[in-house]
Amino acid sequence: MILIAGIVFMVLGLLSGLLLVLAPFGLGTPMPGMITWALFPLLSLIGYLLVAMASRVPAVLQVTRAAGAALLALALVAAVGLFAIGTSLIPESAGSGGLWFVLAVGLIIGTAGLTLPVFRRAQAPDPER
């Protein structure tokens, strides 16, 4: 049950981030409210923690990398959106604050999620010594 709840929370968090990314282009809601801004990082992190608690150790590394990749992908889409708005390739229909927020959160948490398993493996003691 904890695993299913964690997956649902994580998906809802990522969907909140996606709504923040799509809003400046007139796709989805005109401008998501403050609840959506709060739900993106909170549900993503809570969902990750629940999935990690319900998983075995090898699976936690896979979940960490998958969550990090999804958040980094959202950050990449936000960066492309900011580039498109900044160069007037696409007209902006709402403020770009959501794009900046998703870019910052996605870069920080996504990068941490992708590099943490590699860092932990590098720090592990060598069994041959």
C-alpha atoms as a PDB file:
ATOM      1  CA  MET A   1       0.000   0.000   0.000  1.00  0.00           C
ATOM      2  CA  ILE A   2       2.846   2.404   0.820  1.00  0.00           C
ATOM      3  CA  LEU A   3       4.428   1.674  -2.560  1.00  0.00           C
ATOM      4  CA  ILE A   4       1.197   2.468  -4.441  1.00  0.00           C
ATOM      5  CA  ALA A   5       0.636   5.655  -2.421  1.00  0.00           C
ATOM      6  CA  GLY A   6       4.218   6.735  -3.105  1.00  0.00           C
ATOM      7  CA  ILE A   7       3.855   6.153  -6.838  1.00  0.00           C
ATOM      8  CA  VAL A   8       0.583   8.122  -6.916  1.00  0.00           C
ATOM      9  CA  PHE A   9       2.135  11.014  -4.969  1.00  0.00           C
ATOM     10  CA  MET A  10       5.198  11.046  -7.204  1.00  0.00           C
ATOM     11  CA  VAL A  11       3.092  11.056 -10.380  1.00  0.00           C
ATOM     12  CA  LEU A  12       0.878  13.852  -9.022  1.00  0.00           C
ATOM     13  CA  GLY A  13       3.969  15.885  -8.146  1.00  0.00           C
ATOM     14  CA  LEU A  14       5.406  15.422 -11.627  1.00  0.00           C
ATOM     15  CA  LEU A  15       2.050  16.319 -13.200  1.00  0.00           C
ATOM     16  CA  SER A  16       1.988  19.500 -11.113  1.00  0.00           C
ATOM     17  CA  GLY A  17       5.406  20.377 -12.496  1.00  0.00           C
ATOM     18  CA  LEU A  18       4.202  19.633 -16.008  1.00  0.00           C
ATOM     19  CA  LEU A  19       1.238  22.009 -15.527  1.00  0.00           C
ATOM     20  CA  LEU A  20       3.646  24.717 -14.399  1.00  0.00           C
ATOM     21  CA  VAL A  21       5.737  24.163 -17.526  1.00  0.00           C
ATOM     22  CA  LEU A  22       2.792  24.154 -19.947  1.00  0.00           C
ATOM     23  CA  ALA A  23       0.910  27.166 -18.494  1.00  0.00           C
ATOM     24  CA  PRO A  24       3.052  29.941 -20.070  1.00  0.00           C
ATOM     25  CA  PHE A  25       2.239  28.528 -23.512  1.00  0.00           C
ATOM     26  CA  GLY A  26      -1.535  28.512 -23.029  1.00  0.00           C
ATOM     27  CA  LEU A  27      -1.689  24.727 -22.630  1.00  0.00           C
ATOM     28  CA  GLY A  28      -3.587  23.359 -19.638  1.00  0.00           C
ATOM     29  CA  THR A  29      -4.796  25.849 -17.059  1.00  0.00           C
ATOM     30  CA  PRO A  30      -4.236  29.589 -17.691  1.00  0.00           C
ATOM     31  CA  MET A  31      -1.949  29.869 -14.647  1.00  0.00           C
ATOM     32  CA  PRO A  32      -1.787  27.243 -11.936  1.00  0.00           C
ATOM     33  CA  GLY A  33      -2.395  28.498  -8.416  1.00  0.00           C
ATOM     34  CA  MET A  34      -0.049  28.491  -5.460  1.00  0.00           C
ATOM     35  CA  ILE A  35      -1.241  25.005  -4.498  1.00  0.00           C
ATOM     36  CA  THR A  36       0.223  23.625  -7.722  1.00  0.00           C
ATOM     37  CA  TRP A  37       3.494  25.433  -7.026  1.00  0.00           C
ATOM     38  CA  ALA A  38       3.655  23.795  -3.587  1.00  0.00           C
ATOM     39  CA  LEU A  39       2.479  20.363  -4.749  1.00  0.00           C
ATOM     40  CA  PHE A  40       5.218  19.977  -7.368  1.00  0.00           C
ATOM     41  CA  PRO A  41       8.198  19.637  -5.029  1.00  0.00           C
ATOM     42  CA  LEU A  42       6.293  18.367  -1.986  1.00  0.00           C
ATOM     43  CA  LEU A  43       4.432  15.505  -3.651  1.00  0.00           C
ATOM     44  CA  SER A  44       7.477  14.569  -5.718  1.00  0.00           C
ATOM     45  CA  LEU A  45       9.646  14.272  -2.590  1.00  0.00           C
ATOM     46  CA  ILE A  46       6.981  12.632  -0.405  1.00  0.00           C
ATOM     47  CA  GLY A  47       6.201  10.148  -3.160  1.00  0.00           C
ATOM     48  CA  TYR A  48       9.874   9.347  -3.590  1.00  0.00           C
ATOM     49  CA  LEU A  49      10.341   8.811   0.150  1.00  0.00           C
ATOM     50  CA  LEU A  50       7.324   6.495   0.364  1.00  0.00           C
ATOM     51  CA  VAL A  51       8.492   4.444  -2.629  1.00  0.00           C
ATOM     52  CA  ALA A  52      12.017   4.273  -1.215  1.00  0.00           C
ATOM     53  CA  MET A  53      10.761   3.127   2.194  1.00  0.00           C
ATOM     54  CA  ALA A  54       8.670   0.370   0.628  1.00  0.00           C
ATOM     55  CA  SER A  55      11.458  -0.865  -1.675  1.00  0.00           C
ATOM     56  CA  ARG A  56      14.461  -3.079  -1.095  1.00  0.00           C
ATOM     57  CA  VAL A  57      17.956  -1.544  -1.209  1.00  0.00           C
ATOM     58  CA  PRO A  58      18.792  -2.340  -4.888  1.00  0.00           C
ATOM     59  CA  ALA A  59      15.391  -1.057  -5.983  1.00  0.00           C
ATOM     60  CA  VAL A  60      15.887   2.210  -4.071  1.00  0.00           C
ATOM     61  CA  LEU A  61      18.829   3.075  -6.322  1.00  0.00           C
ATOM     62  CA  GLN A  62      16.675   2.481  -9.401  1.00  0.00           C
ATOM     63  CA  VAL A  63      13.822   4.563  -7.965  1.00  0.00           C
ATOM     64  CA  THR A  64      16.262   7.349  -7.089  1.00  0.00           C
ATOM     65  CA  ARG A  65      17.665   7.404 -10.618  1.00  0.00           C
ATOM     66  CA  ALA A  66      14.193   7.264 -12.220  1.00  0.00           C
ATOM     67  CA  ALA A  67      12.851  10.105 -10.066  1.00  0.00           C
ATOM     68  CA  GLY A  68      15.987  12.152 -10.719  1.00  0.00           C
ATOM     69  CA  ALA A  69      15.693  11.547 -14.462  1.00  0.00           C
ATOM     70  CA  ALA A  70      12.027  12.574 -14.505  1.00  0.00           C
ATOM     71  CA  LEU A  71      12.750  15.786 -12.590  1.00  0.00           C
ATOM     72  CA  LEU A  72      15.750  16.575 -14.763  1.00  0.00           C
ATOM     73  CA  ALA A  73      13.621  15.996 -17.874  1.00  0.00           C
ATOM     74  CA  LEU A  74      11.061  18.505 -16.547  1.00  0.00           C
ATOM     75  CA  ALA A  75      13.898  20.976 -15.921  1.00  0.00           C
ATOM     76  CA  LEU A  76      15.110  20.454 -19.477  1.00  0.00           C
ATOM     77  CA  VAL A  77      11.635  21.130 -20.891  1.00  0.00           C
ATOM     78  CA  ALA A  78      11.425  24.270 -18.719  1.00  0.00           C
ATOM     79  CA  ALA A  79      14.823  25.450 -20.020  1.00  0.00           C
ATOM     80  CA  VAL A  80      13.721  24.904 -23.625  1.00  0.00           C
ATOM     81  CA  GLY A  81      10.527  26.828 -22.853  1.00  0.00           C
ATOM     82  CA  LEU A  82      12.473  29.724 -21.363  1.00  0.00           C
ATOM     83  CA  PHE A  83      14.743  29.747 -24.406  1.00  0.00           C
ATOM     84  CA  ALA A  84      11.738  29.754 -26.746  1.00  0.00           C
ATOM     85  CA  ILE A  85      10.112  32.631 -24.853  1.00  0.00           C
ATOM     86  CA  GLY A  86      13.370  34.579 -24.539  1.00  0.00           C
ATOM     87  CA  THR A  87      14.063  34.359 -28.265  1.00  0.00           C
ATOM     88  CA  SER A  88      10.418  35.079 -29.184  1.00  0.00           C
ATOM     89  CA  LEU A  89      10.047  31.736 -30.952  1.00  0.00           C
ATOM     90  CA  ILE A  90       6.853  31.103 -28.992  1.00  0.00           C
ATOM     91  CA  PRO A  91       4.639  33.853 -27.583  1.00  0.00           C
ATOM     92  CA  GLU A  92       4.197  33.810 -23.835  1.00  0.00           C
ATOM     93  CA  SER A  93       0.561  33.749 -22.698  1.00  0.00           C
ATOM     94  CA  ALA A  94       1.252  33.836 -18.934  1.00  0.00           C
ATOM     95  CA  GLY A  95       4.192  34.636 -16.687  1.00  0.00           C
ATOM     96  CA  SER A  96       7.318  32.525 -16.913  1.00  0.00           C
ATOM     97  CA  GLY A  97       7.734  32.154 -13.139  1.00  0.00           C
ATOM     98  CA  GLY A  98       6.560  28.558 -13.255  1.00  0.00           C
ATOM     99  CA  LEU A  99       9.244  27.718 -15.787  1.00  0.00           C
ATOM    100  CA  TRP A 100      11.955  29.216 -13.583  1.00  0.00           C
ATOM    101  CA  PHE A 101      10.611  27.348 -10.543  1.00  0.00           C
ATOM    102  CA  VAL A 102      10.508  23.983 -12.330  1.00  0.00           C
ATOM    103  CA  LEU A 103      13.957  24.625 -13.782  1.00  0.00           C
ATOM    104  CA  ALA A 104      15.456  25.335 -10.339  1.00  0.00           C
ATOM    105  CA  VAL A 105      13.719  22.501  -8.483  1.00  0.00           C
ATOM    106  CA  GLY A 106      14.257  20.007 -11.301  1.00  0.00           C
ATOM    107  CA  LEU A 107      17.946  20.845 -11.646  1.00  0.00           C
ATOM    108  CA  ILE A 108      18.669  20.640  -7.934  1.00  0.00           C
ATOM    109  CA  ILE A 109      16.637  17.566  -7.002  1.00  0.00           C
ATOM    110  CA  GLY A 110      16.998  15.828 -10.356  1.00  0.00           C
ATOM    111  CA  THR A 111      20.759  16.158 -10.401  1.00  0.00           C
ATOM    112  CA  ALA A 112      20.960  14.968  -6.804  1.00  0.00           C
ATOM    113  CA  GLY A 113      18.816  11.952  -7.650  1.00  0.00           C
ATOM    114  CA  LEU A 114      20.983  11.003 -10.591  1.00  0.00           C
ATOM    115  CA  THR A 115      24.344  11.529  -8.910  1.00  0.00           C
ATOM    116  CA  LEU A 116      23.627  10.199  -5.418  1.00  0.00           C
ATOM    117  CA  PRO A 117      23.789   6.488  -6.381  1.00  0.00           C
ATOM    118  CA  VAL A 118      27.060   7.072  -8.263  1.00  0.00           C
ATOM    119  CA  PHE A 119      28.517   9.041  -5.344  1.00  0.00           C
ATOM    120  CA  ARG A 120      27.546   6.329  -2.847  1.00  0.00           C
ATOM    121  CA  ARG A 121      29.147   3.631  -5.010  1.00  0.00           C
ATOM    122  CA  ALA A 122      32.342   5.690  -5.255  1.00  0.00           C
ATOM    123  CA  GLN A 123      32.438   6.112  -1.460  1.00  0.00           C
ATOM    124  CA  ALA A 124      31.897   2.395  -0.717  1.00  0.00           C
ATOM    125  CA  PRO A 125      34.942   0.687   0.780  1.00  0.00           C
ATOM    126  CA  ASP A 126      36.875  -1.642  -1.484  1.00  0.00           C
ATOM    127  CA  PRO A 127      36.137  -5.243  -0.351  1.00  0.00           C
ATOM    128  CA  GLU A 128      39.595  -6.436  -1.481  1.00  0.00           C
ATOM    129  CA  ARG A 129      41.434  -4.260   1.060  1.00  0.00           C
END
